[in-house]
């Protein structure tokens, strides 16, 4: 390989962007359905035990979704034979998805752009996840007297 980025590499990256968004949407549906089955917590000024459990359930669902998304990217890198082994691929994917970066690992030149695409979509997915968490937390808090 001469380091030339082909349209196929770009398409794989774009496909992974779409797949990541689909997984996040499925996680949001699961979150909504699970929380609909749980009785809503009483809206109080101070969070009670049940309200805390309600939020923890949401956090666990959303965290599992992020882990699934990161794992999909790791599988892609592993299928390309990048980074030596699956553990390195998972580490690189986590570091890229969180935009921290893995300074001790790098993709081959033809795949570097896909790693950057993972960082971009990771930032968006954390924003989406944060918005969902704010919605869940807000639903457990009483409106302040105005």
Protein backbone atom coordinates (compact mmCIF):
# COMPACT_ATOMS: atom_id res chain seq x y z
CA UNK A 1 0.00 0.00 0.00
CA UNK A 2 1.30 3.41 -0.88
CA UNK A 3 -0.73 5.36 1.66
CA UNK A 4 -3.30 6.56 -0.85
CA UNK A 5 -6.76 6.96 0.62
CA UNK A 6 -9.27 5.28 -1.67
CA UNK A 7 -12.96 6.00 -1.98
CA UNK A 8 -13.58 2.54 -0.49
CA UNK A 9 -11.84 3.61 2.72
CA UNK A 10 -13.98 6.74 2.84
CA UNK A 11 -17.14 4.69 2.25
CA UNK A 12 -16.24 2.31 5.07
CA UNK A 13 -15.77 5.26 7.39
CA UNK A 14 -19.06 6.82 6.30
CA UNK A 15 -20.77 3.46 6.74
CA UNK A 16 -19.40 3.26 10.29
CA UNK A 17 -20.64 6.80 10.98
CA UNK A 18 -24.12 5.71 9.92
CA UNK A 19 -23.92 2.48 11.89
CA UNK A 20 -22.87 4.39 15.01
CA UNK A 21 -25.85 6.74 14.68
CA UNK A 22 -28.22 3.79 14.19
CA UNK A 23 -26.86 2.07 17.32
CA UNK A 24 -27.30 5.30 19.30
CA UNK A 25 -30.89 5.64 18.05
CA UNK A 26 -31.63 2.02 19.05
CA UNK A 27 -30.16 2.69 22.50
CA UNK A 28 -32.40 5.75 22.83
CA UNK A 29 -35.43 3.61 21.94
CA UNK A 30 -34.38 0.99 24.50
CA UNK A 31 -33.85 3.70 27.12
CA UNK A 32 -37.29 5.15 26.45
CA UNK A 33 -39.00 1.76 26.62
CA UNK A 34 -37.24 0.70 29.82
CA UNK A 35 -37.99 3.99 31.58
CA UNK A 36 -41.63 3.82 30.42
CA UNK A 37 -41.93 0.43 32.16
CA UNK A 38 -40.54 1.85 35.40
CA UNK A 39 -42.90 4.01 37.44
CA UNK A 40 -41.70 7.59 37.09
CA UNK A 41 -40.04 8.96 40.21
CA UNK A 42 -41.92 11.55 42.22
CA UNK A 43 -40.78 15.00 41.23
CA UNK A 44 -39.23 16.41 44.35
CA UNK A 45 -36.71 19.10 45.12
CA UNK A 46 -34.23 16.52 46.46
CA UNK A 47 -33.55 13.25 44.68
CA UNK A 48 -34.68 10.16 46.59
CA UNK A 49 -33.43 6.59 46.39
CA UNK A 50 -35.88 5.59 43.65
CA UNK A 51 -35.00 8.68 41.61
CA UNK A 52 -31.33 7.76 41.93
CA UNK A 53 -32.05 4.19 40.78
CA UNK A 54 -34.02 5.60 37.82
CA UNK A 55 -31.03 7.71 36.80
CA UNK A 56 -28.54 4.87 37.33
CA UNK A 57 -30.60 2.60 35.05
CA UNK A 58 -30.46 5.31 32.37
CA UNK A 59 -26.70 5.72 32.81
CA UNK A 60 -26.11 1.97 32.50
CA UNK A 61 -28.21 1.71 29.33
CA UNK A 62 -26.46 4.67 27.74
CA UNK A 63 -23.01 3.43 28.80
CA UNK A 64 -23.68 0.01 27.27
CA UNK A 65 -24.67 1.76 24.05
CA UNK A 66 -21.42 3.73 23.96
CA UNK A 67 -19.44 0.56 24.67
CA UNK A 68 -21.24 -1.19 21.78
CA UNK A 69 -20.42 1.70 19.44
CA UNK A 70 -16.76 1.73 20.47
CA UNK A 71 -16.61 -2.06 20.05
CA UNK A 72 -17.94 -1.83 16.50
CA UNK A 73 -15.12 0.53 15.55
CA UNK A 74 -12.62 -1.80 17.25
CA UNK A 75 -13.93 -4.74 15.23
CA UNK A 76 -13.46 -2.71 12.04
CA UNK A 77 -9.82 -1.95 12.89
CA UNK A 78 -9.24 -5.57 13.88
CA UNK A 79 -10.78 -6.82 10.61
CA UNK A 80 -8.27 -4.64 8.76
CA UNK A 81 -5.41 -6.23 10.71
CA UNK A 82 -4.55 -2.90 12.33
CA UNK A 83 -2.78 -2.31 15.65
CA UNK A 84 -1.65 -5.88 16.35
CA UNK A 85 -4.58 -7.39 18.23
CA UNK A 86 -8.12 -6.84 19.38
CA UNK A 87 -7.10 -5.38 22.76
CA UNK A 88 -5.07 -2.69 21.00
CA UNK A 89 -7.95 -2.04 18.60
CA UNK A 90 -10.38 -1.65 21.50
CA UNK A 91 -7.99 0.67 23.33
CA UNK A 92 -7.38 2.75 20.20
CA UNK A 93 -11.11 2.92 19.50
CA UNK A 94 -11.92 4.05 23.05
CA UNK A 95 -9.18 6.67 22.93
CA UNK A 96 -10.38 7.91 19.53
CA UNK A 97 -14.09 7.87 20.39
CA UNK A 98 -13.46 9.93 23.52
CA UNK A 99 -11.17 12.24 21.48
CA UNK A 100 -8.29 11.65 23.92
CA UNK A 101 -6.21 9.89 21.28
CA UNK A 102 -3.83 7.00 21.67
CA UNK A 103 -0.36 8.48 21.22
CA UNK A 104 1.26 5.06 21.50
CA UNK A 105 -0.79 3.54 18.65
CA UNK A 106 -1.60 4.72 15.17
CA UNK A 107 -3.47 3.41 12.18
CA UNK A 108 -1.73 2.83 8.88
CA UNK A 109 -1.77 5.87 6.59
CA UNK A 110 -4.66 4.56 4.47
CA UNK A 111 -6.88 4.19 7.53
CA UNK A 112 -5.98 7.32 9.51
CA UNK A 113 -8.88 9.29 8.11
CA UNK A 114 -11.31 6.67 9.41
CA UNK A 115 -9.80 7.06 12.89
CA UNK A 116 -10.44 10.78 12.68
CA UNK A 117 -14.03 10.09 11.60
CA UNK A 118 -14.45 7.98 14.74
CA UNK A 119 -13.30 10.91 16.87
CA UNK A 120 -15.81 13.22 15.19
CA UNK A 121 -18.75 10.84 15.64
CA UNK A 122 -17.66 10.03 19.20
CA UNK A 123 -17.90 13.68 20.13
CA UNK A 124 -21.41 13.83 18.65
CA UNK A 125 -22.50 10.62 20.41
CA UNK A 126 -21.31 11.90 23.79
CA UNK A 127 -23.26 15.10 23.16
CA UNK A 128 -26.37 13.10 22.28
CA UNK A 129 -25.91 10.90 25.35
CA UNK A 130 -25.49 13.97 27.55
CA UNK A 131 -28.71 15.46 26.17
CA UNK A 132 -30.57 12.24 26.99
CA UNK A 133 -29.13 12.21 30.53
CA UNK A 134 -30.18 15.82 31.09
CA UNK A 135 -33.69 14.90 29.98
CA UNK A 136 -33.81 11.94 32.38
CA UNK A 137 -32.43 13.92 35.30
CA UNK A 138 -34.78 16.83 34.59
CA UNK A 139 -37.73 14.47 34.68
CA UNK A 140 -36.87 13.57 38.29
CA UNK A 141 -36.64 17.15 39.55
CA UNK A 142 -39.54 19.34 40.60
CA UNK A 143 -39.96 22.66 38.86
CA UNK A 144 -38.59 25.43 41.05
CA UNK A 145 -41.16 27.96 42.22
CA UNK A 146 -41.17 30.87 39.87
